[in-house]
Amino acid sequence: MSGNRQANRQGFRGYVTSRGFGEYRIPVPLQSLALRDYCARKGMQFILPANENNFPNSYLVLDGMVKGLAGYDGIVMCSIHMLPQRSERRRKIYAQMLEFGCALHTVIEGYVIATPEDVEHVEELLLLNKIAPRLPFELPTSG
């Protein structure tokens, strides 16, 4: 990617949702404040967030943001749990972001997804998070 193209980028676009994600349900104004604070602490330019539709499993706003990333450095959101639940959909988003040379930052977990290795790391964590509640754990007994 040319340095000139990088210089024309506007910063990081925020992504918020009024739906719950993971174990969180954070009001949109608080998400916006968290994103703005994160960007300020990291020296990143923050662009006002786009709010996802409040329909279950709807990612129309996120999909549209990803398609329009050519003018941005990337996306900042509160959590990886705001991404689609299906791995195929997430991987499509990652691929488009990487194609544009963009990054995805998550405030709560502190993850930055900017390389294929980052994608694999996050996908492993999401898979473990998904299967962990179903794993049979036994507490050790004393004695």
C-alpha atoms as a PDB file:
ATOM      1  CA  MET A   1       0.000   0.000   0.000  1.00  0.00           C
ATOM      2  CA  SER A   2       1.428   3.381  -0.900  1.00  0.00           C
ATOM      3  CA  GLY A   3       2.384   5.872   1.787  1.00  0.00           C
ATOM      4  CA  ASN A   4       0.145   8.469   0.109  1.00  0.00           C
ATOM      5  CA  ARG A   5      -2.889   6.228   0.518  1.00  0.00           C
ATOM      6  CA  GLN A   6      -2.027   5.766   4.201  1.00  0.00           C
ATOM      7  CA  ALA A   7      -1.684   9.549   4.641  1.00  0.00           C
ATOM      8  CA  ASN A   8      -5.207  10.116   3.301  1.00  0.00           C
ATOM      9  CA  ARG A   9      -6.818   7.893   5.922  1.00  0.00           C
ATOM     10  CA  GLN A  10      -9.227   9.531   8.351  1.00  0.00           C
ATOM     11  CA  GLY A  11      -8.663   7.456  11.511  1.00  0.00           C
ATOM     12  CA  PHE A  12     -10.579   4.710  13.286  1.00  0.00           C
ATOM     13  CA  ARG A  13     -14.317   4.416  12.857  1.00  0.00           C
ATOM     14  CA  GLY A  14     -16.221   3.454  15.966  1.00  0.00           C
ATOM     15  CA  TYR A  15     -18.758   0.617  15.972  1.00  0.00           C
ATOM     16  CA  VAL A  16     -21.412   0.368  18.702  1.00  0.00           C
ATOM     17  CA  THR A  17     -24.582  -1.626  19.304  1.00  0.00           C
ATOM     18  CA  SER A  18     -27.579  -1.378  21.601  1.00  0.00           C
ATOM     19  CA  ARG A  19     -27.757  -5.194  21.685  1.00  0.00           C
ATOM     20  CA  GLY A  20     -26.005  -7.202  24.324  1.00  0.00           C
ATOM     21  CA  PHE A  21     -22.702  -8.831  23.362  1.00  0.00           C
ATOM     22  CA  GLY A  22     -20.970 -11.607  25.249  1.00  0.00           C
ATOM     23  CA  GLU A  23     -21.864 -11.029  28.873  1.00  0.00           C
ATOM     24  CA  TYR A  24     -22.196  -7.278  28.378  1.00  0.00           C
ATOM     25  CA  ARG A  25     -25.040  -4.871  27.745  1.00  0.00           C
ATOM     26  CA  ILE A  26     -23.447  -1.442  27.653  1.00  0.00           C
ATOM     27  CA  PRO A  27     -25.477   1.643  26.731  1.00  0.00           C
ATOM     28  CA  VAL A  28     -24.394   3.160  23.406  1.00  0.00           C
ATOM     29  CA  PRO A  29     -23.274   6.505  24.947  1.00  0.00           C
ATOM     30  CA  LEU A  30     -20.949   4.636  27.334  1.00  0.00           C
ATOM     31  CA  GLN A  31     -19.574   2.527  24.476  1.00  0.00           C
ATOM     32  CA  SER A  32     -18.838   5.736  22.560  1.00  0.00           C
ATOM     33  CA  LEU A  33     -17.033   7.223  25.567  1.00  0.00           C
ATOM     34  CA  ALA A  34     -14.963   4.052  26.004  1.00  0.00           C
ATOM     35  CA  LEU A  35     -14.002   4.052  22.314  1.00  0.00           C
ATOM     36  CA  ARG A  36     -13.078   7.751  22.378  1.00  0.00           C
ATOM     37  CA  ASP A  37     -10.982   7.290  25.534  1.00  0.00           C
ATOM     38  CA  TYR A  38      -9.228   4.220  24.102  1.00  0.00           C
ATOM     39  CA  CYS A  39      -8.337   6.084  20.907  1.00  0.00           C
ATOM     40  CA  ALA A  40      -7.086   9.100  22.869  1.00  0.00           C
ATOM     41  CA  ARG A  41      -4.853   6.908  25.063  1.00  0.00           C
ATOM     42  CA  LYS A  42      -3.442   5.135  21.982  1.00  0.00           C
ATOM     43  CA  GLY A  43      -2.936   8.329  19.966  1.00  0.00           C
ATOM     44  CA  MET A  44      -5.491   7.192  17.381  1.00  0.00           C
ATOM     45  CA  GLN A  45      -7.876   9.542  15.611  1.00  0.00           C
ATOM     46  CA  PHE A  46     -11.463   8.613  16.545  1.00  0.00           C
ATOM     47  CA  ILE A  47     -14.304   8.948  14.051  1.00  0.00           C
ATOM     48  CA  LEU A  48     -17.854   9.014  15.412  1.00  0.00           C
ATOM     49  CA  PRO A  49     -19.305   5.517  15.710  1.00  0.00           C
ATOM     50  CA  ALA A  50     -21.896   3.806  13.577  1.00  0.00           C
ATOM     51  CA  ASN A  51     -24.689   2.095  15.526  1.00  0.00           C
ATOM     52  CA  GLU A  52     -25.662  -1.431  14.494  1.00  0.00           C
ATOM     53  CA  ASN A  53     -29.310  -2.246  13.870  1.00  0.00           C
ATOM     54  CA  ASN A  54     -31.112  -3.718  16.849  1.00  0.00           C
ATOM     55  CA  PHE A  55     -32.215  -6.894  15.050  1.00  0.00           C
ATOM     56  CA  PRO A  56     -30.897 -10.272  16.206  1.00  0.00           C
ATOM     57  CA  ASN A  57     -27.922 -11.453  14.130  1.00  0.00           C
ATOM     58  CA  SER A  58     -27.977  -8.297  11.985  1.00  0.00           C
ATOM     59  CA  TYR A  59     -24.563  -7.000  10.955  1.00  0.00           C
ATOM     60  CA  LEU A  60     -25.634  -4.772   8.057  1.00  0.00           C
ATOM     61  CA  VAL A  61     -23.966  -1.685   9.509  1.00  0.00           C
ATOM     62  CA  LEU A  62     -20.723  -3.558  10.267  1.00  0.00           C
ATOM     63  CA  ASP A  63     -20.685  -5.094   6.774  1.00  0.00           C
ATOM     64  CA  GLY A  64     -21.178  -1.650   5.252  1.00  0.00           C
ATOM     65  CA  MET A  65     -18.404  -0.185   7.391  1.00  0.00           C
ATOM     66  CA  VAL A  66     -15.977  -2.892   6.334  1.00  0.00           C
ATOM     67  CA  LYS A  67     -16.757  -2.356   2.646  1.00  0.00           C
ATOM     68  CA  GLY A  68     -16.018   1.362   3.063  1.00  0.00           C
ATOM     69  CA  LEU A  69     -12.748   1.023   4.984  1.00  0.00           C
ATOM     70  CA  ALA A  70     -10.501   2.326   2.193  1.00  0.00           C
ATOM     71  CA  GLY A  71     -10.596   5.804   3.748  1.00  0.00           C
ATOM     72  CA  TYR A  72      -9.991   4.689   7.352  1.00  0.00           C
ATOM     73  CA  ASP A  73      -7.245   3.127   9.447  1.00  0.00           C
ATOM     74  CA  GLY A  74      -9.710   0.595  10.810  1.00  0.00           C
ATOM     75  CA  ILE A  75     -12.515  -0.042  13.256  1.00  0.00           C
ATOM     76  CA  VAL A  76     -12.619   0.240  17.033  1.00  0.00           C
ATOM     77  CA  MET A  77     -15.322  -1.561  19.045  1.00  0.00           C
ATOM     78  CA  CYS A  78     -15.844  -2.569  22.643  1.00  0.00           C
ATOM     79  CA  SER A  79     -15.461  -6.341  22.309  1.00  0.00           C
ATOM     80  CA  ILE A  80     -14.734  -9.213  19.952  1.00  0.00           C
ATOM     81  CA  HIS A  81     -18.133 -10.518  21.029  1.00  0.00           C
ATOM     82  CA  MET A  82     -19.718  -7.767  18.920  1.00  0.00           C
ATOM     83  CA  LEU A  83     -18.571  -9.628  15.800  1.00  0.00           C
ATOM     84  CA  PRO A  84     -20.874 -12.137  14.079  1.00  0.00           C
ATOM     85  CA  GLN A  85     -21.221 -15.451  15.890  1.00  0.00           C
ATOM     86  CA  ARG A  86     -20.501 -17.512  12.777  1.00  0.00           C
ATOM     87  CA  SER A  87     -16.801 -17.923  12.049  1.00  0.00           C
ATOM     88  CA  GLU A  88     -17.361 -17.727   8.266  1.00  0.00           C
ATOM     89  CA  ARG A  89     -18.907 -14.266   8.603  1.00  0.00           C
ATOM     90  CA  ARG A  90     -16.120 -13.075  10.897  1.00  0.00           C
ATOM     91  CA  ARG A  91     -13.451 -14.382   8.533  1.00  0.00           C
ATOM     92  CA  LYS A  92     -15.030 -12.492   5.639  1.00  0.00           C
ATOM     93  CA  ILE A  93     -14.824  -9.302   7.695  1.00  0.00           C
ATOM     94  CA  TYR A  94     -11.201  -9.971   8.654  1.00  0.00           C
ATOM     95  CA  ALA A  95     -10.258 -10.689   5.030  1.00  0.00           C
ATOM     96  CA  GLN A  96     -11.773  -7.432   3.806  1.00  0.00           C
ATOM     97  CA  MET A  97     -10.072  -5.467   6.574  1.00  0.00           C
ATOM     98  CA  LEU A  98      -6.678  -7.004   5.881  1.00  0.00           C
ATOM     99  CA  GLU A  99      -7.133  -6.391   2.156  1.00  0.00           C
ATOM    100  CA  PHE A 100      -7.518  -2.658   2.903  1.00  0.00           C
ATOM    101  CA  GLY A 101      -4.539  -2.725   5.281  1.00  0.00           C
ATOM    102  CA  CYS A 102      -6.788  -1.852   8.226  1.00  0.00           C
ATOM    103  CA  ALA A 103      -6.895  -3.003  11.841  1.00  0.00           C
ATOM    104  CA  LEU A 104      -9.676  -3.891  14.272  1.00  0.00           C
ATOM    105  CA  HIS A 105      -9.221  -2.794  17.894  1.00  0.00           C
ATOM    106  CA  THR A 106     -11.286  -4.132  20.804  1.00  0.00           C
ATOM    107  CA  VAL A 107     -11.347  -2.038  23.971  1.00  0.00           C
ATOM    108  CA  ILE A 108     -12.400  -4.576  26.621  1.00  0.00           C
ATOM    109  CA  GLU A 109     -10.044  -7.380  25.592  1.00  0.00           C
ATOM    110  CA  GLY A 110      -7.324  -5.067  24.284  1.00  0.00           C
ATOM    111  CA  TYR A 111      -6.931  -7.036  21.053  1.00  0.00           C
ATOM    112  CA  VAL A 112      -5.651  -5.616  17.793  1.00  0.00           C
ATOM    113  CA  ILE A 113      -6.410  -7.647  14.683  1.00  0.00           C
ATOM    114  CA  ALA A 114      -4.070  -6.469  11.929  1.00  0.00           C
ATOM    115  CA  THR A 115      -2.436  -9.655  10.595  1.00  0.00           C
ATOM    116  CA  PRO A 116      -3.502 -13.184   9.644  1.00  0.00           C
ATOM    117  CA  GLU A 117      -1.805 -14.390  12.851  1.00  0.00           C
ATOM    118  CA  ASP A 118      -3.973 -12.025  14.897  1.00  0.00           C
ATOM    119  CA  VAL A 119      -7.054 -13.448  13.171  1.00  0.00           C
ATOM    120  CA  GLU A 120      -6.095 -17.014  14.085  1.00  0.00           C
ATOM    121  CA  HIS A 121      -5.380 -16.053  17.692  1.00  0.00           C
ATOM    122  CA  VAL A 122      -8.780 -14.371  18.114  1.00  0.00           C
ATOM    123  CA  GLU A 123     -10.603 -17.197  16.353  1.00  0.00           C
ATOM    124  CA  GLU A 124      -8.985 -19.741  18.714  1.00  0.00           C
ATOM    125  CA  LEU A 125     -10.052 -17.661  21.715  1.00  0.00           C
ATOM    126  CA  LEU A 126     -13.621 -17.363  20.424  1.00  0.00           C
ATOM    127  CA  LEU A 127     -13.769 -21.111  19.813  1.00  0.00           C
ATOM    128  CA  LEU A 128     -12.502 -21.853  23.318  1.00  0.00           C
ATOM    129  CA  ASN A 129     -14.994 -19.380  24.759  1.00  0.00           C
ATOM    130  CA  LYS A 130     -17.785 -21.134  22.874  1.00  0.00           C
ATOM    131  CA  ILE A 131     -16.912 -24.679  23.942  1.00  0.00           C
ATOM    132  CA  ALA A 132     -15.630 -24.012  27.479  1.00  0.00           C
ATOM    133  CA  PRO A 133     -19.090 -23.989  29.147  1.00  0.00           C
ATOM    134  CA  ARG A 134     -19.732 -27.471  27.715  1.00  0.00           C
ATOM    135  CA  LEU A 135     -16.474 -29.047  28.896  1.00  0.00           C
ATOM    136  CA  PRO A 136     -16.827 -31.398  31.873  1.00  0.00           C
ATOM    137  CA  PHE A 137     -14.764 -29.963  34.713  1.00  0.00           C
ATOM    138  CA  GLU A 138     -14.388 -31.552  38.087  1.00  0.00           C
ATOM    139  CA  LEU A 139     -13.020 -29.778  41.106  1.00  0.00           C
ATOM    140  CA  PRO A 140     -10.188 -31.601  42.819  1.00  0.00           C
ATOM    141  CA  THR A 141     -11.142 -33.147  46.127  1.00  0.00           C
ATOM    142  CA  SER A 142      -8.912 -32.914  49.144  1.00  0.00           C
ATOM    143  CA  GLY A 143      -8.072 -35.962  50.946  1.00  0.00           C
END
